[in-house]
Protein backbone atom coordinates (compact mmCIF):
# COMPACT_ATOMS: atom_id res chain seq x y z
CA MET A 1 108.01 97.17 129.05
CA ASN A 2 104.55 98.05 127.73
CA GLU A 3 103.03 97.30 124.34
CA ARG A 4 104.25 100.62 122.94
CA GLU A 5 107.89 99.69 123.49
CA HIS A 6 108.19 96.25 121.93
CA SER A 7 111.06 95.80 119.50
CA PRO A 8 112.06 95.13 116.85
CA THR A 9 109.24 96.73 114.88
CA PRO A 10 109.44 98.44 111.52
CA GLU A 11 108.68 102.12 111.58
CA ILE A 12 106.54 103.70 108.91
CA ARG A 13 108.59 105.98 106.71
CA GLU A 14 107.97 107.92 103.53
CA ALA A 15 108.31 105.77 100.44
CA PRO A 16 110.95 106.78 97.89
CA GLU A 17 109.83 107.72 94.40
CA ARG A 18 110.10 104.85 91.94
CA ALA A 19 110.59 104.74 88.22
CA SER A 20 107.95 102.97 86.14
CA PRO A 21 108.62 99.22 86.18
CA ASP A 22 110.11 97.66 83.07
CA TRP A 23 107.92 94.59 82.82
CA ARG A 24 109.70 93.22 79.79
CA ARG A 25 113.01 92.98 81.65
CA LEU A 26 111.23 91.36 84.60
CA GLU A 27 109.59 88.76 82.34
CA VAL A 28 112.90 87.84 80.70
CA ALA A 29 114.61 87.42 84.07
CA SER A 30 111.64 85.45 85.41
CA GLY A 31 111.91 82.97 82.56
CA ARG A 32 115.67 82.65 82.97
CA PHE A 33 115.52 81.88 86.71
CA ALA A 34 112.16 80.07 86.75
CA ARG A 35 113.65 76.65 87.49
CA LEU A 36 115.79 77.83 90.42
CA ILE A 37 112.90 79.70 91.98
CA SER A 38 110.35 76.94 91.46
CA ASP A 39 112.72 74.38 92.99
CA GLY A 40 113.24 76.63 96.04
CA ILE A 41 109.50 77.12 96.46
CA ALA A 42 108.84 73.40 96.07
CA GLN A 43 111.38 72.65 98.81
CA ALA A 44 109.77 75.22 101.14
CA LEU A 45 106.31 73.72 100.53
CA ALA A 46 107.60 70.19 101.14
CA GLU A 47 109.29 71.21 104.39
CA GLN A 48 106.52 73.67 105.40
CA THR A 49 109.07 76.44 105.93
CA GLU A 50 109.91 79.77 104.34
CA ILE A 51 112.05 79.86 101.21
CA ASP A 52 115.80 79.74 101.84
CA ASP A 53 118.15 82.71 101.50
CA GLY A 54 119.28 81.78 98.02
CA THR A 55 115.74 81.54 96.66
CA ALA A 56 114.79 84.85 98.28
CA ARG A 57 117.78 86.58 96.70
CA CYS A 58 116.99 85.04 93.33
CA ILE A 59 113.41 86.33 93.49
CA ALA A 60 114.64 89.77 94.52
CA HIS A 61 117.07 89.75 91.57
CA VAL A 62 114.24 88.95 89.16
CA LEU A 63 111.93 91.60 90.61
CA GLY A 64 114.76 94.11 90.74
CA ARG A 65 115.17 93.87 86.97
CA ALA A 66 111.97 95.89 86.73
CA TYR A 67 113.68 98.88 88.41
CA GLY A 68 117.32 98.54 87.52
CA ARG A 69 120.60 97.93 89.30
CA GLU A 70 120.20 100.80 91.77
CA SER A 71 116.96 99.46 93.25
CA ALA A 72 116.73 98.03 96.76
CA LEU A 73 115.53 94.72 95.31
CA ALA A 74 118.50 94.44 92.96
CA ASP A 75 120.90 95.24 95.81
CA PHE A 76 119.32 92.57 98.00
CA GLY A 77 119.63 90.09 95.15
CA ARG A 78 123.36 90.84 94.89
CA THR A 79 124.29 91.06 98.56
CA GLY A 80 121.49 89.50 100.62
CA GLU A 81 121.46 92.71 102.65
CA GLY A 82 118.47 94.98 103.01
CA HIS A 83 115.67 95.96 105.33
CA TYR A 84 112.06 94.90 104.95
CA LEU A 85 110.86 98.50 104.70
CA THR A 86 113.37 99.47 102.00
CA LEU A 87 112.24 96.54 99.87
CA ARG A 88 108.52 96.46 100.62
CA ASP A 89 107.21 99.37 98.58
CA GLU A 90 109.20 98.27 95.53
CA TYR A 91 107.72 94.79 95.42
CA LEU A 92 104.24 95.93 96.47
CA ASN A 93 104.24 98.40 93.58
CA LEU A 94 104.66 95.38 91.29
CA TYR A 95 102.20 93.30 93.31
CA SER A 96 99.34 95.77 92.82
CA ASP A 97 100.08 96.42 89.13
CA GLU A 98 97.45 95.06 86.76
CA ARG A 99 100.25 93.65 84.60
CA ALA A 100 101.47 91.34 87.38
CA ASP A 101 100.70 87.72 86.54
CA ALA A 102 100.08 84.88 88.99
CA VAL A 103 103.72 83.77 88.89
CA THR A 104 105.00 87.23 89.78
CA LYS A 105 102.51 87.61 92.60
CA GLU A 106 103.44 84.21 94.01
CA MET A 107 107.12 85.16 94.01
CA ILE A 108 106.29 88.37 95.87
CA ASP A 109 104.14 86.49 98.41
CA TRP A 110 107.08 84.22 99.16
CA LEU A 111 109.67 87.02 99.28
CA GLY A 112 107.55 89.28 101.50
CA THR A 113 106.78 86.46 103.91
CA TYR A 114 110.46 85.52 104.03
CA LEU A 115 111.51 89.10 104.86
CA VAL A 116 108.91 89.50 107.60
CA ARG A 117 109.92 86.18 109.14
CA ARG A 118 113.63 87.03 108.89
CA GLU A 119 113.15 90.23 110.87
CA ASN A 120 110.76 88.57 113.32
CA THR A 121 108.14 91.29 112.94
CA GLY A 122 105.18 89.21 111.79
CA THR A 123 102.42 86.98 113.07
CA GLY A 124 103.68 83.92 111.25
CA ARG A 125 101.29 81.76 109.29
CA ARG A 126 98.61 81.42 111.93
CA PHE A 127 95.97 82.61 109.43
CA MET A 128 97.16 80.44 106.54
CA ASN A 129 96.90 76.85 105.36
CA GLU A 130 100.39 75.48 106.03
CA HIS A 131 100.16 73.28 102.93
CA LEU A 132 99.55 76.20 100.55
CA PRO A 133 101.79 79.08 99.42
CA PRO A 134 101.69 82.15 101.69
CA LYS A 135 99.60 85.24 100.94
CA LEU A 136 100.69 88.69 102.03
CA ASP A 137 97.17 89.84 102.85
CA GLN A 138 96.94 87.04 105.43
CA LEU A 139 100.19 88.01 107.17
CA LEU A 140 100.30 90.75 109.80
CA VAL A 141 103.39 92.86 110.44
CA ARG A 142 104.03 94.40 113.85
CA THR A 143 104.66 98.07 113.12
CA SER A 144 105.50 101.20 115.08
CA VAL A 145 103.37 104.22 114.15
CA ARG A 146 103.45 107.78 115.41
CA VAL A 147 100.11 109.25 116.39
CA GLY A 148 100.47 112.73 117.82
CA ASP A 149 103.54 112.82 120.03
CA GLU A 150 103.58 109.11 120.87
CA ARG A 151 104.40 105.82 119.18
CA PHE A 152 102.20 102.76 119.30
CA ILE A 153 102.49 99.16 118.17
CA VAL A 154 99.89 97.99 115.65
CA ASN A 155 99.58 95.07 113.23
CA ILE A 156 99.09 95.83 109.56
CA PRO A 157 98.65 93.50 106.57
CA ALA A 158 101.91 92.70 104.80
CA SER A 159 100.15 93.66 101.55
CA TRP A 160 99.88 97.31 102.68
CA ASP A 161 102.23 99.91 101.27
CA SER A 162 103.19 103.29 102.73
CA GLY A 163 100.14 105.05 101.30
CA GLU A 164 97.71 102.70 103.03
CA GLN A 165 99.65 103.12 106.28
CA ASP A 166 99.39 106.89 106.00
CA GLY A 167 95.62 106.46 105.85
CA LEU A 168 95.77 104.29 108.96
CA ILE A 169 97.64 106.98 110.90
CA GLU A 170 94.96 109.50 109.97
CA LEU A 171 92.28 107.09 111.18
CA LEU A 172 94.05 106.44 114.49
CA HIS A 173 94.42 110.18 114.97
CA ASP A 174 90.68 110.64 114.37
CA LEU A 175 89.99 107.86 116.88
CA ARG A 176 92.14 109.72 119.44
CA LEU A 177 94.25 106.67 120.07
CA PRO A 178 96.68 108.34 122.53
CA GLU A 179 93.75 109.00 124.86
CA ASP A 180 92.35 105.45 124.79
CA PRO A 181 94.55 102.86 126.60
CA ALA A 182 92.04 100.06 125.99
CA LEU A 183 92.12 100.65 122.23
CA GLN A 184 95.91 100.76 122.35
CA ALA A 185 95.93 97.36 124.07
CA PHE A 186 93.46 95.92 121.55
CA LEU A 187 95.44 97.07 118.50
CA ALA A 188 98.62 95.58 119.96
CA LEU A 189 97.13 92.07 120.17
CA PRO A 190 98.99 89.88 117.64
CA ASP A 191 95.85 88.62 115.90
CA VAL A 192 94.18 92.04 115.48
CA SER A 193 94.60 93.56 112.03
CA ASP A 194 94.34 97.29 111.53
CA GLY A 195 93.18 96.40 108.03
CA THR A 196 89.83 95.25 109.44
CA PRO A 197 87.13 97.36 107.74
CA ASP A 198 85.06 97.88 110.91
CA LEU A 199 87.91 98.35 113.36
CA MET A 200 85.96 100.07 116.14
CA GLU A 201 83.08 97.62 115.84
CA SER A 202 85.54 94.77 116.32
CA PHE A 203 87.02 96.56 119.33
CA HIS A 204 83.66 97.09 121.03
CA GLU A 205 82.60 93.47 120.37
CA ALA A 206 85.80 92.14 121.94
CA PHE A 207 86.33 94.57 124.84
CA ALA A 208 85.36 93.01 128.17
CA GLY A 209 86.57 95.75 130.52
CA THR A 210 89.54 97.34 132.25
CA TYR A 211 90.49 96.24 135.77
CA GLU A 212 92.83 97.44 138.47
CA ASN A 213 94.29 94.01 139.33
CA ASP A 214 93.90 90.23 138.98
CA GLU A 215 91.26 89.97 141.68
CA ALA A 216 89.09 92.65 140.09
CA ALA A 217 89.34 90.91 136.71
CA LEU A 218 88.46 87.56 138.24
CA ARG A 219 85.44 88.96 140.09
CA ALA A 220 84.11 90.52 136.88
CA LEU A 221 84.89 87.75 134.41
CA SER A 222 84.71 84.50 136.41
CA PRO A 223 82.44 82.86 139.02
CA LEU A 224 84.88 83.86 141.79
CA GLU A 225 82.14 85.17 144.10
CA ASP A 226 80.15 81.95 143.68
CA TRP A 227 83.26 79.95 144.53
CA GLU A 228 83.79 82.10 147.63
CA THR A 229 80.23 81.45 148.74
CA SER A 230 80.65 77.70 148.23
CA LEU A 231 83.93 77.75 150.14
CA ALA A 232 82.35 79.73 152.98
CA ASP A 233 79.59 77.11 153.24
CA TRP A 234 82.21 74.35 153.29
CA CYS A 235 84.12 76.16 156.07
CA ILE A 236 80.96 76.43 158.17
CA ASP A 237 80.16 72.75 157.65
CA HIS A 238 83.68 71.71 158.67
CA GLY A 239 84.37 74.25 161.37
CA VAL A 240 87.16 75.96 159.46
CA ASP A 241 87.87 79.67 159.86
CA PHE A 242 87.24 81.19 156.41
CA ASP A 243 89.68 84.04 157.10
CA ALA A 244 92.47 81.52 157.58
CA LEU A 245 92.30 80.57 153.89
CA ASP A 246 93.99 82.54 151.11
CA TRP A 247 93.07 82.35 147.44
CA ASN A 248 95.80 81.50 144.98
CA PHE A 249 94.81 83.66 142.02
CA ALA A 250 97.59 82.48 139.69
CA PRO A 251 95.92 79.26 138.42
CA LEU A 252 92.60 81.06 138.20
CA MET A 253 94.19 83.73 136.01
CA ASP A 254 95.67 81.00 133.82
CA ARG A 255 92.16 79.65 133.28
CA LEU A 256 90.87 83.14 132.58
CA ARG A 257 93.51 83.60 129.87
CA ASP A 258 92.04 80.61 128.07
CA LEU A 259 88.89 82.68 127.56
CA TYR A 260 90.20 86.23 127.34
CA ASP A 261 93.21 88.05 125.97
CA LEU A 262 94.56 89.97 128.97
CA VAL A 263 96.86 92.92 128.30
CA GLU A 264 98.68 94.41 131.30
CA GLN A 265 99.52 98.01 130.62
CA GLU A 266 100.50 100.80 133.01
CA GLY A 267 99.32 98.86 136.05
CA ARG A 268 95.90 97.95 134.66
CA ILE A 269 94.47 94.89 132.92
CA HIS A 270 92.51 95.23 129.68
CA ALA A 271 90.44 92.15 128.83
CA PHE A 272 89.21 91.09 125.39
CA ILE A 273 87.06 88.12 124.40
CA GLN A 274 89.02 85.69 122.30
């Protein structure tokens, strides 16, 4: 399976039209359930985990009050059922609203992180302080995007809505992604964000080359030839036939992976500086 085929990954889809949020209803519900939500968040911080199901549903219920009973958030609050993508644009619409206060944004940070973790489509908190509340712009979501006639796996910030993702697809089309296997491999790396402002600059700084096999990668990226010379000298000194010795490349590749991200794709190895 190559990087284009990993699953599960959310697929970008057109966002449904939303009614204007009723902030007054949200504020009333937020005050009513403030204690339950704050207790759930406090427990998650103490245990360094995501919020539990009950807290997530309570937050969704509060946020859903802004849209009404038929919203995806309200339905998740009632049933605990719902997909990340069906909920995301609703809560991000609130998140980016100038009327959203710090409490509302913190609830959305927790809910969004919970949903990404629940569906196992994110990077986890590798870019966050584990002792602080999560932030959506520091969480990457593994996402399937269609560029031309093909689909590719990329990582986008959890704070991005459908509109920002549409802009990304246009950019990847302009970059001719389907014709560039090395760029495909780079964008699929779990710590590479497509939200990076200078995406191609980051790619060129990290790209170390494409190689046909392990030996070719080792010869280009490690002192393998120097080691061979030293071994040949040792063989001469000890009367050992050099051709009788075989290199075990596996441990050498393990060492190489400590220095480079190696992506095997369609029979070739793409290397990137860590």
